[in-house]
Structures are given as structure tokens and as C-alpha cells.
Amino acid sequence: MTGEHRPAATVTPYEDGPLLLRGDFEIVTPDGERIDPGRPTVALCRCGRSRVKPFCDGTHKLIDFHAPAGRQNSRVDPETD
């Protein structure tokens, strides 16, 4: 062990696809009710069209969903705004 801090869970956005959630995590509803993921790695819907939300069911492929894999720059440019 090198002393490197490892997060309990990681979220990986996939280009034009879901967010992959891996590790020790808990998913809860806004009311605090636990949602059983059923496995240690889950794909979370980003397109909003999944029939099994919050999980991905692959619908993003059918609707031509697009989203970046990396960090999206959300800064507003005061020169163009």
C-alpha cells in the first residue's frame, strides 16, 4: 500500500451513455428509501428515457443520446452572454 487515498465509490461517465457507479455506495430516493442496486457496479441513466430509472436500460442507444465522457465546461463567457 502506498498510502494513496482511494474513494469508497467512483463514478465514470461514458460518452453518449450512462454513468457507471462502482464501489461501496448507497442509492436512495428523495424520501430516503433505499434502492437495492443488486450488484456492486451499476449503470445510472443519463438520457432520462430508461424504463428502469435510476438504472440504465440501454435506451440511450435507441434515441441517439449524446453526452461527453469527460468533464463538461459549464463556465459562462461574459463576452458572449
Foldseek 3Di string as FASTA:
>chain_A
DPPDDDDQWDWFADWLAFIKIAGDDWDADPVGHTDDPVDRIFTAGDVPPAPDPRGDPPCSVVVVGGDDRDDDDPDDDPVVD
